[in-house]
Amino acid sequence: EAALAGIGIAWLPEHQVAEYLQAGRLVHLLPDWGPCYAGACLYYPANRHPPMALRMFAEAVRDWVRQQE
């Protein structure tokens, strides 16, 4: 919100701000720079048998992240 208001900067995935970039409401400050690690982490309690719902959620997140690359 601060970046959109012209009083701050933001470090966000490009797909989240694409419409603002196209509309000229935001500018890409460092187009040749990128994070050292592009990925996602999912933290959950250590357990030998995580619930099926957690495994399915983790797989869905993994698929979504791969689609964003």
PDB file of N, CA and C in Angstrom:
ATOM      1  N   GLU A   1       0.823  -1.195   0.000  1.00  0.00           N
ATOM      2  CA  GLU A   1       0.000   0.000   0.000  1.00  0.00           C
ATOM      3  C   GLU A   1       0.865   1.256   0.000  1.00  0.00           C
ATOM      4  N   ALA A   2       1.997   1.195   0.744  1.00  0.00           N
ATOM      5  CA  ALA A   2       2.887   2.359   0.771  1.00  0.00           C
ATOM      6  C   ALA A   2       3.487   2.611  -0.611  1.00  0.00           C
ATOM      7  N   ALA A   3       3.858   1.541  -1.297  1.00  0.00           N
ATOM      8  CA  ALA A   3       4.418   1.704  -2.644  1.00  0.00           C
ATOM      9  C   ALA A   3       3.378   2.301  -3.585  1.00  0.00           C
ATOM     10  N   LEU A   4       2.161   1.819  -3.512  1.00  0.00           N
ATOM     11  CA  LEU A   4       1.098   2.358  -4.371  1.00  0.00           C
ATOM     12  C   LEU A   4       0.796   3.819  -4.040  1.00  0.00           C
ATOM     13  N   ALA A   5       0.983   4.194  -2.771  1.00  0.00           N
ATOM     14  CA  ALA A   5       0.736   5.577  -2.361  1.00  0.00           C
ATOM     15  C   ALA A   5       1.917   6.490  -2.684  1.00  0.00           C
ATOM     16  N   GLY A   6       3.022   5.902  -3.179  1.00  0.00           N
ATOM     17  CA  GLY A   6       4.179   6.709  -3.542  1.00  0.00           C
ATOM     18  C   GLY A   6       5.088   7.053  -2.382  1.00  0.00           C
ATOM     19  N   ILE A   7       4.942   6.348  -1.251  1.00  0.00           N
ATOM     20  CA  ILE A   7       5.757   6.661  -0.074  1.00  0.00           C
ATOM     21  C   ILE A   7       6.584   5.474   0.408  1.00  0.00           C
ATOM     22  N   GLY A   8       6.760   4.474  -0.438  1.00  0.00           N
ATOM     23  CA  GLY A   8       7.537   3.311  -0.027  1.00  0.00           C
ATOM     24  C   GLY A   8       7.900   2.446  -1.208  1.00  0.00           C
ATOM     25  N   ILE A   9       8.638   1.373  -0.899  1.00  0.00           N
ATOM     26  CA  ILE A   9       8.981   0.385  -1.913  1.00  0.00           C
ATOM     27  C   ILE A   9       8.508  -0.973  -1.418  1.00  0.00           C
ATOM     28  N   ALA A  10       8.417  -1.922  -2.321  1.00  0.00           N
ATOM     29  CA  ALA A  10       7.943  -3.259  -1.960  1.00  0.00           C
ATOM     30  C   ALA A  10       8.747  -4.299  -2.721  1.00  0.00           C
ATOM     31  N   TRP A  11       8.923  -5.442  -2.105  1.00  0.00           N
ATOM     32  CA  TRP A  11       9.572  -6.586  -2.751  1.00  0.00           C
ATOM     33  C   TRP A  11       8.537  -7.685  -2.804  1.00  0.00           C
ATOM     34  N   LEU A  12       7.921  -7.847  -3.973  1.00  0.00           N
ATOM     35  CA  LEU A  12       6.805  -8.775  -4.137  1.00  0.00           C
ATOM     36  C   LEU A  12       6.990  -9.593  -5.406  1.00  0.00           C
ATOM     37  N   PRO A  13       6.374 -10.765  -5.459  1.00  0.00           N
ATOM     38  CA  PRO A  13       6.404 -11.536  -6.707  1.00  0.00           C
ATOM     39  C   PRO A  13       5.769 -10.725  -7.836  1.00  0.00           C
ATOM     40  N   GLU A  14       6.385 -10.779  -8.996  1.00  0.00           N
ATOM     41  CA  GLU A  14       5.921  -9.959 -10.116  1.00  0.00           C
ATOM     42  C   GLU A  14       4.477 -10.251 -10.494  1.00  0.00           C
ATOM     43  N   HIS A  15       4.054 -11.511 -10.384  1.00  0.00           N
ATOM     44  CA  HIS A  15       2.679 -11.833 -10.768  1.00  0.00           C
ATOM     45  C   HIS A  15       1.659 -11.142  -9.859  1.00  0.00           C
ATOM     46  N   GLN A  16       2.059 -10.764  -8.642  1.00  0.00           N
ATOM     47  CA  GLN A  16       1.134 -10.080  -7.737  1.00  0.00           C
ATOM     48  C   GLN A  16       0.971  -8.604  -8.071  1.00  0.00           C
ATOM     49  N   VAL A  17       1.937  -8.036  -8.764  1.00  0.00           N
ATOM     50  CA  VAL A  17       1.881  -6.604  -9.066  1.00  0.00           C
ATOM     51  C   VAL A  17       1.839  -6.312 -10.560  1.00  0.00           C
ATOM     52  N   ALA A  18       1.665  -7.338 -11.378  1.00  0.00           N
ATOM     53  CA  ALA A  18       1.701  -7.168 -12.838  1.00  0.00           C
ATOM     54  C   ALA A  18       0.720  -6.106 -13.319  1.00  0.00           C
ATOM     55  N   GLU A  19      -0.492  -6.109 -12.795  1.00  0.00           N
ATOM     56  CA  GLU A  19      -1.479  -5.123 -13.263  1.00  0.00           C
ATOM     57  C   GLU A  19      -1.062  -3.701 -12.902  1.00  0.00           C
ATOM     58  N   TYR A  20      -0.419  -3.513 -11.751  1.00  0.00           N
ATOM     59  CA  TYR A  20       0.037  -2.181 -11.348  1.00  0.00           C
ATOM     60  C   TYR A  20       1.230  -1.731 -12.189  1.00  0.00           C
ATOM     61  N   LEU A  21       2.093  -2.684 -12.547  1.00  0.00           N
ATOM     62  CA  LEU A  21       3.219  -2.358 -13.428  1.00  0.00           C
ATOM     63  C   LEU A  21       2.717  -1.951 -14.808  1.00  0.00           C
ATOM     64  N   GLN A  22       1.758  -2.707 -15.343  1.00  0.00           N
ATOM     65  CA  GLN A  22       1.206  -2.409 -16.671  1.00  0.00           C
ATOM     66  C   GLN A  22       0.477  -1.075 -16.685  1.00  0.00           C
ATOM     67  N   ALA A  23      -0.185  -0.744 -15.572  1.00  0.00           N
ATOM     68  CA  ALA A  23      -0.936   0.510 -15.494  1.00  0.00           C
ATOM     69  C   ALA A  23      -0.038   1.701 -15.179  1.00  0.00           C
ATOM     70  N   GLY A  24       1.236   1.437 -14.858  1.00  0.00           N
ATOM     71  CA  GLY A  24       2.142   2.525 -14.528  1.00  0.00           C
ATOM     72  C   GLY A  24       2.030   3.010 -13.100  1.00  0.00           C
ATOM     73  N   ARG A  25       1.271   2.301 -12.273  1.00  0.00           N
ATOM     74  CA  ARG A  25       1.129   2.707 -10.870  1.00  0.00           C
ATOM     75  C   ARG A  25       2.347   2.317 -10.047  1.00  0.00           C
ATOM     76  N   LEU A  26       3.092   1.295 -10.521  1.00  0.00           N
ATOM     77  CA  LEU A  26       4.348   0.890  -9.895  1.00  0.00           C
ATOM     78  C   LEU A  26       5.412   0.787 -10.976  1.00  0.00           C
ATOM     79  N   VAL A  27       6.670   0.946 -10.577  1.00  0.00           N
ATOM     80  CA  VAL A  27       7.790   0.753 -11.492  1.00  0.00           C
ATOM     81  C   VAL A  27       8.725  -0.288 -10.891  1.00  0.00           C
ATOM     82  N   HIS A  28       9.390  -1.035 -11.763  1.00  0.00           N
ATOM     83  CA  HIS A  28      10.344  -2.052 -11.337  1.00  0.00           C
ATOM     84  C   HIS A  28      11.684  -1.357 -11.122  1.00  0.00           C
ATOM     85  N   LEU A  29      12.122  -1.248  -9.860  1.00  0.00           N
ATOM     86  CA  LEU A  29      13.339  -0.497  -9.552  1.00  0.00           C
ATOM     87  C   LEU A  29      14.620  -1.206  -9.974  1.00  0.00           C
ATOM     88  N   LEU A  30      14.709  -2.507  -9.744  1.00  0.00           N
ATOM     89  CA  LEU A  30      15.936  -3.256 -10.022  1.00  0.00           C
ATOM     90  C   LEU A  30      15.621  -4.455 -10.910  1.00  0.00           C
ATOM     91  N   PRO A  31      15.362  -4.240 -12.190  1.00  0.00           N
ATOM     92  CA  PRO A  31      14.921  -5.334 -13.055  1.00  0.00           C
ATOM     93  C   PRO A  31      15.945  -6.457 -13.232  1.00  0.00           C
ATOM     94  N   ASP A  32      17.234  -6.163 -13.062  1.00  0.00           N
ATOM     95  CA  ASP A  32      18.254  -7.199 -13.238  1.00  0.00           C
ATOM     96  C   ASP A  32      18.592  -7.929 -11.948  1.00  0.00           C
ATOM     97  N   TRP A  33      17.948  -7.591 -10.863  1.00  0.00           N
ATOM     98  CA  TRP A  33      18.235  -8.203  -9.574  1.00  0.00           C
ATOM     99  C   TRP A  33      17.109  -9.147  -9.189  1.00  0.00           C
ATOM    100  N   GLY A  34      17.470 -10.235  -8.562  1.00  0.00           N
ATOM    101  CA  GLY A  34      16.478 -11.187  -8.084  1.00  0.00           C
ATOM    102  C   GLY A  34      16.951 -11.811  -6.791  1.00  0.00           C
ATOM    103  N   PRO A  35      16.052 -12.404  -6.053  1.00  0.00           N
ATOM    104  CA  PRO A  35      16.443 -13.025  -4.783  1.00  0.00           C
ATOM    105  C   PRO A  35      17.351 -14.230  -5.028  1.00  0.00           C
ATOM    106  N   CYS A  36      18.163 -14.544  -4.038  1.00  0.00           N
ATOM    107  CA  CYS A  36      19.049 -15.703  -4.136  1.00  0.00           C
ATOM    108  C   CYS A  36      18.251 -17.000  -4.157  1.00  0.00           C
ATOM    109  N   TYR A  37      17.143 -17.013  -3.478  1.00  0.00           N
ATOM    110  CA  TYR A  37      16.328 -18.222  -3.375  1.00  0.00           C
ATOM    111  C   TYR A  37      14.907 -17.881  -3.781  1.00  0.00           C
ATOM    112  N   ALA A  38      14.468 -18.448  -4.857  1.00  0.00           N
ATOM    113  CA  ALA A  38      13.077 -18.255  -5.273  1.00  0.00           C
ATOM    114  C   ALA A  38      12.331 -19.537  -4.953  1.00  0.00           C
ATOM    115  N   GLY A  39      11.510 -19.500  -3.957  1.00  0.00           N
ATOM    116  CA  GLY A  39      10.784 -20.697  -3.575  1.00  0.00           C
ATOM    117  C   GLY A  39       9.821 -20.405  -2.447  1.00  0.00           C
ATOM    118  N   ALA A  40       9.331 -21.450  -1.879  1.00  0.00           N
ATOM    119  CA  ALA A  40       8.384 -21.322  -0.780  1.00  0.00           C
ATOM    120  C   ALA A  40       8.729 -22.362   0.271  1.00  0.00           C
ATOM    121  N   CYS A  41       8.430 -22.035   1.506  1.00  0.00           N
ATOM    122  CA  CYS A  41       8.649 -22.969   2.610  1.00  0.00           C
ATOM    123  C   CYS A  41       7.324 -23.193   3.315  1.00  0.00           C
ATOM    124  N   LEU A  42       7.097 -24.406   3.680  1.00  0.00           N
ATOM    125  CA  LEU A  42       5.896 -24.761   4.430  1.00  0.00           C
ATOM    126  C   LEU A  42       6.371 -25.438   5.703  1.00  0.00           C
ATOM    127  N   TYR A  43       6.072 -24.850   6.845  1.00  0.00           N
ATOM    128  CA  TYR A  43       6.496 -25.393   8.131  1.00  0.00           C
ATOM    129  C   TYR A  43       5.324 -26.082   8.805  1.00  0.00           C
ATOM    130  N   TYR A  44       5.572 -27.267   9.303  1.00  0.00           N
ATOM    131  CA  TYR A  44       4.552 -28.010  10.038  1.00  0.00           C
ATOM    132  C   TYR A  44       5.254 -28.916  11.029  1.00  0.00           C
ATOM    133  N   PRO A  45       4.550 -29.377  12.067  1.00  0.00           N
ATOM    134  CA  PRO A  45       5.185 -30.200  13.094  1.00  0.00           C
ATOM    135  C   PRO A  45       5.767 -31.486  12.510  1.00  0.00           C
ATOM    136  N   ALA A  46       6.920 -31.874  13.047  1.00  0.00           N
ATOM    137  CA  ALA A  46       7.532 -33.132  12.625  1.00  0.00           C
ATOM    138  C   ALA A  46       6.610 -34.275  13.042  1.00  0.00           C
ATOM    139  N   ASN A  47       6.343 -35.148  12.105  1.00  0.00           N
ATOM    140  CA  ASN A  47       5.432 -36.253  12.369  1.00  0.00           C
ATOM    141  C   ASN A  47       5.724 -37.321  11.324  1.00  0.00           C
ATOM    142  N   ARG A  48       5.790 -38.547  11.742  1.00  0.00           N
ATOM    143  CA  ARG A  48       6.074 -39.612  10.780  1.00  0.00           C
ATOM    144  C   ARG A  48       4.954 -39.765   9.762  1.00  0.00           C
ATOM    145  N   HIS A  49       3.745 -39.475  10.154  1.00  0.00           N
ATOM    146  CA  HIS A  49       2.594 -39.648   9.268  1.00  0.00           C
ATOM    147  C   HIS A  49       1.733 -38.383   9.293  1.00  0.00           C
ATOM    148  N   PRO A  50       2.127 -37.361   8.521  1.00  0.00           N
ATOM    149  CA  PRO A  50       1.286 -36.156   8.496  1.00  0.00           C
ATOM    150  C   PRO A  50      -0.085 -36.487   7.916  1.00  0.00           C
ATOM    151  N   PRO A  51      -1.109 -35.768   8.352  1.00  0.00           N
ATOM    152  CA  PRO A  51      -2.465 -36.025   7.849  1.00  0.00           C
ATOM    153  C   PRO A  51      -2.539 -35.865   6.326  1.00  0.00           C
ATOM    154  N   MET A  52      -3.436 -36.605   5.723  1.00  0.00           N
ATOM    155  CA  MET A  52      -3.630 -36.558   4.271  1.00  0.00           C
ATOM    156  C   MET A  52      -3.930 -35.128   3.811  1.00  0.00           C
ATOM    157  N   ALA A  53      -4.733 -34.397   4.579  1.00  0.00           N
ATOM    158  CA  ALA A  53      -5.075 -33.021   4.197  1.00  0.00           C
ATOM    159  C   ALA A  53      -3.813 -32.159   4.106  1.00  0.00           C
ATOM    160  N   LEU A  54      -2.876 -32.341   5.032  1.00  0.00           N
ATOM    161  CA  LEU A  54      -1.635 -31.572   5.001  1.00  0.00           C
ATOM    162  C   LEU A  54      -0.787 -31.962   3.796  1.00  0.00           C
ATOM    163  N   ARG A  55      -0.702 -33.234   3.507  1.00  0.00           N
ATOM    164  CA  ARG A  55       0.069 -33.683   2.339  1.00  0.00           C
ATOM    165  C   ARG A  55      -0.538 -33.139   1.051  1.00  0.00           C
ATOM    166  N   MET A  56      -1.868 -33.138   0.958  1.00  0.00           N
ATOM    167  CA  MET A  56      -2.535 -32.623  -0.245  1.00  0.00           C
ATOM    168  C   MET A  56      -2.326 -31.114  -0.376  1.00  0.00           C
ATOM    169  N   PHE A  57      -2.395 -30.405   0.753  1.00  0.00           N
ATOM    170  CA  PHE A  57      -2.172 -28.964   0.735  1.00  0.00           C
ATOM    171  C   PHE A  57      -0.747 -28.660   0.283  1.00  0.00           C
ATOM    172  N   ALA A  58       0.237 -29.384   0.832  1.00  0.00           N
ATOM    173  CA  ALA A  58       1.633 -29.171   0.456  1.00  0.00           C
ATOM    174  C   ALA A  58       1.830 -29.414  -1.037  1.00  0.00           C
ATOM    175  N   GLU A  59       1.205 -30.441  -1.567  1.00  0.00           N
ATOM    176  CA  GLU A  59       1.318 -30.744  -2.998  1.00  0.00           C
ATOM    177  C   GLU A  59       0.676 -29.636  -3.840  1.00  0.00           C
ATOM    178  N   ALA A  60      -0.465 -29.123  -3.389  1.00  0.00           N
ATOM    179  CA  ALA A  60      -1.133 -28.037  -4.115  1.00  0.00           C
ATOM    180  C   ALA A  60      -0.263 -26.781  -4.126  1.00  0.00           C
ATOM    181  N   VAL A  61       0.360 -26.466  -2.994  1.00  0.00           N
ATOM    182  CA  VAL A  61       1.246 -25.303  -2.926  1.00  0.00           C
ATOM    183  C   VAL A  61       2.452 -25.513  -3.836  1.00  0.00           C
ATOM    184  N   ARG A  62       3.036 -26.694  -3.811  1.00  0.00           N
ATOM    185  CA  ARG A  62       4.183 -27.013  -4.669  1.00  0.00           C
ATOM    186  C   ARG A  62       3.810 -26.836  -6.137  1.00  0.00           C
ATOM    187  N   ASP A  63       2.637 -27.328  -6.537  1.00  0.00           N
ATOM    188  CA  ASP A  63       2.191 -27.184  -7.928  1.00  0.00           C
ATOM    189  C   ASP A  63       1.994 -25.719  -8.294  1.00  0.00           C
ATOM    190  N   TRP A  64       1.398 -24.950  -7.376  1.00  0.00           N
ATOM    191  CA  TRP A  64       1.150 -23.531  -7.631  1.00  0.00           C
ATOM    192  C   TRP A  64       2.474 -22.785  -7.813  1.00  0.00           C
ATOM    193  N   VAL A  65       3.451 -23.063  -6.941  1.00  0.00           N
ATOM    194  CA  VAL A  65       4.750 -22.392  -7.043  1.00  0.00           C
ATOM    195  C   VAL A  65       5.410 -22.729  -8.370  1.00  0.00           C
ATOM    196  N   ARG A  66       5.339 -23.968  -8.787  1.00  0.00           N
ATOM    197  CA  ARG A  66       5.939 -24.367 -10.067  1.00  0.00           C
ATOM    198  C   ARG A  66       5.276 -23.641 -11.236  1.00  0.00           C
ATOM    199  N   GLN A  67       3.973 -23.418 -11.156  1.00  0.00           N
ATOM    200  CA  GLN A  67       3.260 -22.713 -12.229  1.00  0.00           C
ATOM    201  C   GLN A  67       3.673 -21.246 -12.299  1.00  0.00           C
ATOM    202  N   GLN A  68       4.093 -20.676 -11.170  1.00  0.00           N
ATOM    203  CA  GLN A  68       4.467 -19.264 -11.131  1.00  0.00           C
ATOM    204  C   GLN A  68       5.852 -19.024 -11.716  1.00  0.00           C
ATOM    205  N   GLU A  69       6.654 -20.065 -11.826  1.00  0.00           N
ATOM    206  CA  GLU A  69       8.031 -19.907 -12.315  1.00  0.00           C
ATOM    207  C   GLU A  69       8.070 -19.683 -13.805  1.00  0.00           C
TER     208      GLU A  69
END
